[in-house]
Amino acid sequence: MRTHLLWLLPLILLGSSAQALKCHECSGIEDCYKPKTCSSQSLYCLTNWYTPPGQQTTVTKTCAYTCPDINHVTANSKSSCCNTDLCNSARNLHISWGLLALGLCYIYLSQ
């Protein structure tokens, strides 16, 4: 019986670490594709975009325990949360809209 308990402890520890959320982590304007295994208490991946007036947008990505303001937007910042592994990897949405506009212009002009 005691031997079975000794084998059970490592399995429990391995099982709990396998359940930990993985998020990208960065701060500022550095490379934001750095996967990190979050603590077991972190339930969300948080991304915050902040653009001071007249300056470059800075992005902060991290693990978060709570997400009280999902998709919260103010004049200079936007925050979003997600809860699956590496779900906060998307680049800034302005790039996607720009590519969409470029594609539509190409289609319109090629007719």
C-alpha atoms as a PDB file:
ATOM      1  CA  MET A   1       0.000   0.000   0.000  1.00  0.00           C
ATOM      2  CA  ARG A   2       2.774   2.402   0.921  1.00  0.00           C
ATOM      3  CA  THR A   3       4.588   1.663  -2.362  1.00  0.00           C
ATOM      4  CA  HIS A   4       1.451   2.536  -4.333  1.00  0.00           C
ATOM      5  CA  LEU A   5       1.245   5.897  -2.589  1.00  0.00           C
ATOM      6  CA  LEU A   6       4.860   6.653  -3.483  1.00  0.00           C
ATOM      7  CA  TRP A   7       4.068   6.046  -7.175  1.00  0.00           C
ATOM      8  CA  LEU A   8       0.897   8.091  -6.976  1.00  0.00           C
ATOM      9  CA  LEU A   9       2.590  11.316  -5.816  1.00  0.00           C
ATOM     10  CA  PRO A  10       4.761  11.836  -8.961  1.00  0.00           C
ATOM     11  CA  LEU A  11       1.761  11.106 -11.176  1.00  0.00           C
ATOM     12  CA  ILE A  12      -0.285  13.755  -9.386  1.00  0.00           C
ATOM     13  CA  LEU A  13       2.532  16.289  -9.705  1.00  0.00           C
ATOM     14  CA  LEU A  14       3.027  15.535 -13.403  1.00  0.00           C
ATOM     15  CA  GLY A  15      -0.699  15.734 -14.037  1.00  0.00           C
ATOM     16  CA  SER A  16      -1.023  19.140 -12.423  1.00  0.00           C
ATOM     17  CA  SER A  17       1.896  20.610 -14.396  1.00  0.00           C
ATOM     18  CA  ALA A  18       0.444  19.248 -17.640  1.00  0.00           C
ATOM     19  CA  GLN A  19      -2.722  21.258 -16.995  1.00  0.00           C
ATOM     20  CA  ALA A  20      -0.905  24.605 -16.657  1.00  0.00           C
ATOM     21  CA  LEU A  21      -1.826  27.219 -19.237  1.00  0.00           C
ATOM     22  CA  LYS A  22       0.851  28.424 -21.661  1.00  0.00           C
ATOM     23  CA  CYS A  23       0.896  32.068 -22.734  1.00  0.00           C
ATOM     24  CA  HIS A  24       3.213  34.285 -24.728  1.00  0.00           C
ATOM     25  CA  GLU A  25       4.995  36.800 -22.512  1.00  0.00           C
ATOM     26  CA  CYS A  26       6.612  40.141 -23.344  1.00  0.00           C
ATOM     27  CA  SER A  27       6.660  43.773 -22.331  1.00  0.00           C
ATOM     28  CA  GLY A  28       7.201  46.852 -24.447  1.00  0.00           C
ATOM     29  CA  ILE A  29       8.145  46.615 -28.106  1.00  0.00           C
ATOM     30  CA  GLU A  30      10.261  43.451 -27.838  1.00  0.00           C
ATOM     31  CA  ASP A  31       9.568  40.075 -29.436  1.00  0.00           C
ATOM     32  CA  CYS A  32       6.191  38.923 -28.119  1.00  0.00           C
ATOM     33  CA  TYR A  33       6.433  35.270 -29.098  1.00  0.00           C
ATOM     34  CA  LYS A  34       8.038  33.868 -25.956  1.00  0.00           C
ATOM     35  CA  PRO A  35       5.988  30.928 -24.650  1.00  0.00           C
ATOM     36  CA  LYS A  36       5.806  30.633 -20.874  1.00  0.00           C
ATOM     37  CA  THR A  37       4.146  28.006 -18.717  1.00  0.00           C
ATOM     38  CA  CYS A  38       1.902  29.852 -16.286  1.00  0.00           C
ATOM     39  CA  SER A  39       1.397  28.995 -12.655  1.00  0.00           C
ATOM     40  CA  SER A  40      -1.523  26.722 -11.889  1.00  0.00           C
ATOM     41  CA  GLN A  41      -3.514  29.705 -10.562  1.00  0.00           C
ATOM     42  CA  SER A  42      -3.356  31.593 -13.877  1.00  0.00           C
ATOM     43  CA  LEU A  43      -6.523  31.033 -15.861  1.00  0.00           C
ATOM     44  CA  TYR A  44      -6.031  33.565 -18.667  1.00  0.00           C
ATOM     45  CA  CYS A  45      -3.526  34.894 -21.163  1.00  0.00           C
ATOM     46  CA  LEU A  46      -3.700  38.695 -21.088  1.00  0.00           C
ATOM     47  CA  THR A  47      -2.682  41.045 -23.894  1.00  0.00           C
ATOM     48  CA  ASN A  48      -2.606  44.807 -23.464  1.00  0.00           C
ATOM     49  CA  TRP A  49      -1.903  47.332 -26.238  1.00  0.00           C
ATOM     50  CA  TYR A  50      -1.037  50.854 -25.086  1.00  0.00           C
ATOM     51  CA  THR A  51      -0.428  53.809 -27.395  1.00  0.00           C
ATOM     52  CA  PRO A  52       0.637  57.037 -25.692  1.00  0.00           C
ATOM     53  CA  PRO A  53      -0.283  60.098 -27.799  1.00  0.00           C
ATOM     54  CA  GLY A  54       2.271  60.534 -30.574  1.00  0.00           C
ATOM     55  CA  GLN A  55       4.254  57.420 -29.645  1.00  0.00           C
ATOM     56  CA  GLN A  56       4.641  53.816 -30.766  1.00  0.00           C
ATOM     57  CA  THR A  57       2.236  51.166 -29.463  1.00  0.00           C
ATOM     58  CA  THR A  58       3.655  48.962 -26.737  1.00  0.00           C
ATOM     59  CA  VAL A  59       2.345  45.456 -26.199  1.00  0.00           C
ATOM     60  CA  THR A  60       2.343  43.554 -22.922  1.00  0.00           C
ATOM     61  CA  LYS A  61       1.497  39.851 -22.872  1.00  0.00           C
ATOM     62  CA  THR A  62       1.417  37.766 -19.728  1.00  0.00           C
ATOM     63  CA  CYS A  63      -0.365  35.137 -17.645  1.00  0.00           C
ATOM     64  CA  ALA A  64      -3.232  36.463 -15.527  1.00  0.00           C
ATOM     65  CA  TYR A  65      -5.221  35.183 -12.567  1.00  0.00           C
ATOM     66  CA  THR A  66      -8.331  37.147 -13.503  1.00  0.00           C
ATOM     67  CA  CYS A  67      -9.639  39.037 -16.483  1.00  0.00           C
ATOM     68  CA  PRO A  68     -12.083  41.600 -15.125  1.00  0.00           C
ATOM     69  CA  ASP A  69     -12.260  43.779 -18.249  1.00  0.00           C
ATOM     70  CA  ILE A  70     -12.367  41.390 -21.197  1.00  0.00           C
ATOM     71  CA  ASN A  71     -11.890  43.286 -24.452  1.00  0.00           C
ATOM     72  CA  HIS A  72     -11.776  46.565 -22.534  1.00  0.00           C
ATOM     73  CA  VAL A  73     -11.003  49.555 -24.745  1.00  0.00           C
ATOM     74  CA  THR A  74     -10.076  53.113 -23.712  1.00  0.00           C
ATOM     75  CA  ALA A  75      -8.760  56.051 -25.718  1.00  0.00           C
ATOM     76  CA  ASN A  76      -5.137  54.882 -25.536  1.00  0.00           C
ATOM     77  CA  SER A  77      -5.314  51.203 -24.654  1.00  0.00           C
ATOM     78  CA  LYS A  78      -7.019  47.930 -25.404  1.00  0.00           C
ATOM     79  CA  SER A  79      -6.910  44.712 -23.395  1.00  0.00           C
ATOM     80  CA  SER A  80      -8.062  41.219 -24.235  1.00  0.00           C
ATOM     81  CA  CYS A  81      -7.988  37.838 -22.547  1.00  0.00           C
ATOM     82  CA  CYS A  82      -8.171  34.256 -23.733  1.00  0.00           C
ATOM     83  CA  ASN A  83      -7.875  30.897 -21.992  1.00  0.00           C
ATOM     84  CA  THR A  84      -6.253  28.332 -24.300  1.00  0.00           C
ATOM     85  CA  ASP A  85      -2.570  27.527 -24.761  1.00  0.00           C
ATOM     86  CA  LEU A  86      -0.649  30.258 -26.615  1.00  0.00           C
ATOM     87  CA  CYS A  87      -3.893  31.977 -27.580  1.00  0.00           C
ATOM     88  CA  ASN A  88      -2.377  35.460 -27.169  1.00  0.00           C
ATOM     89  CA  SER A  89      -0.066  35.151 -30.167  1.00  0.00           C
ATOM     90  CA  ALA A  90      -2.042  37.231 -32.687  1.00  0.00           C
ATOM     91  CA  ARG A  91      -0.273  40.279 -34.050  1.00  0.00           C
ATOM     92  CA  ASN A  92      -1.772  43.725 -33.939  1.00  0.00           C
ATOM     93  CA  LEU A  93      -5.151  43.853 -35.706  1.00  0.00           C
ATOM     94  CA  HIS A  94      -4.187  46.936 -37.729  1.00  0.00           C
ATOM     95  CA  ILE A  95      -1.904  44.773 -39.875  1.00  0.00           C
ATOM     96  CA  SER A  96      -4.746  42.381 -40.696  1.00  0.00           C
ATOM     97  CA  TRP A  97      -7.106  45.220 -41.650  1.00  0.00           C
ATOM     98  CA  GLY A  98      -4.382  46.730 -43.826  1.00  0.00           C
ATOM     99  CA  LEU A  99      -3.865  43.467 -45.676  1.00  0.00           C
ATOM    100  CA  LEU A 100      -7.610  43.094 -46.161  1.00  0.00           C
ATOM    101  CA  ALA A 101      -7.862  46.614 -47.599  1.00  0.00           C
ATOM    102  CA  LEU A 102      -4.896  45.958 -49.894  1.00  0.00           C
ATOM    103  CA  GLY A 103      -6.494  42.744 -51.158  1.00  0.00           C
ATOM    104  CA  LEU A 104      -9.817  44.463 -51.828  1.00  0.00           C
ATOM    105  CA  CYS A 105      -8.062  47.267 -53.729  1.00  0.00           C
ATOM    106  CA  TYR A 106      -6.207  44.715 -55.843  1.00  0.00           C
ATOM    107  CA  ILE A 107      -9.437  42.877 -56.690  1.00  0.00           C
ATOM    108  CA  TYR A 108     -11.222  46.139 -57.549  1.00  0.00           C
ATOM    109  CA  LEU A 109      -8.396  47.442 -59.740  1.00  0.00           C
ATOM    110  CA  SER A 110      -7.853  44.142 -61.572  1.00  0.00           C
ATOM    111  CA  GLN A 111     -11.413  44.021 -62.943  1.00  0.00           C
END
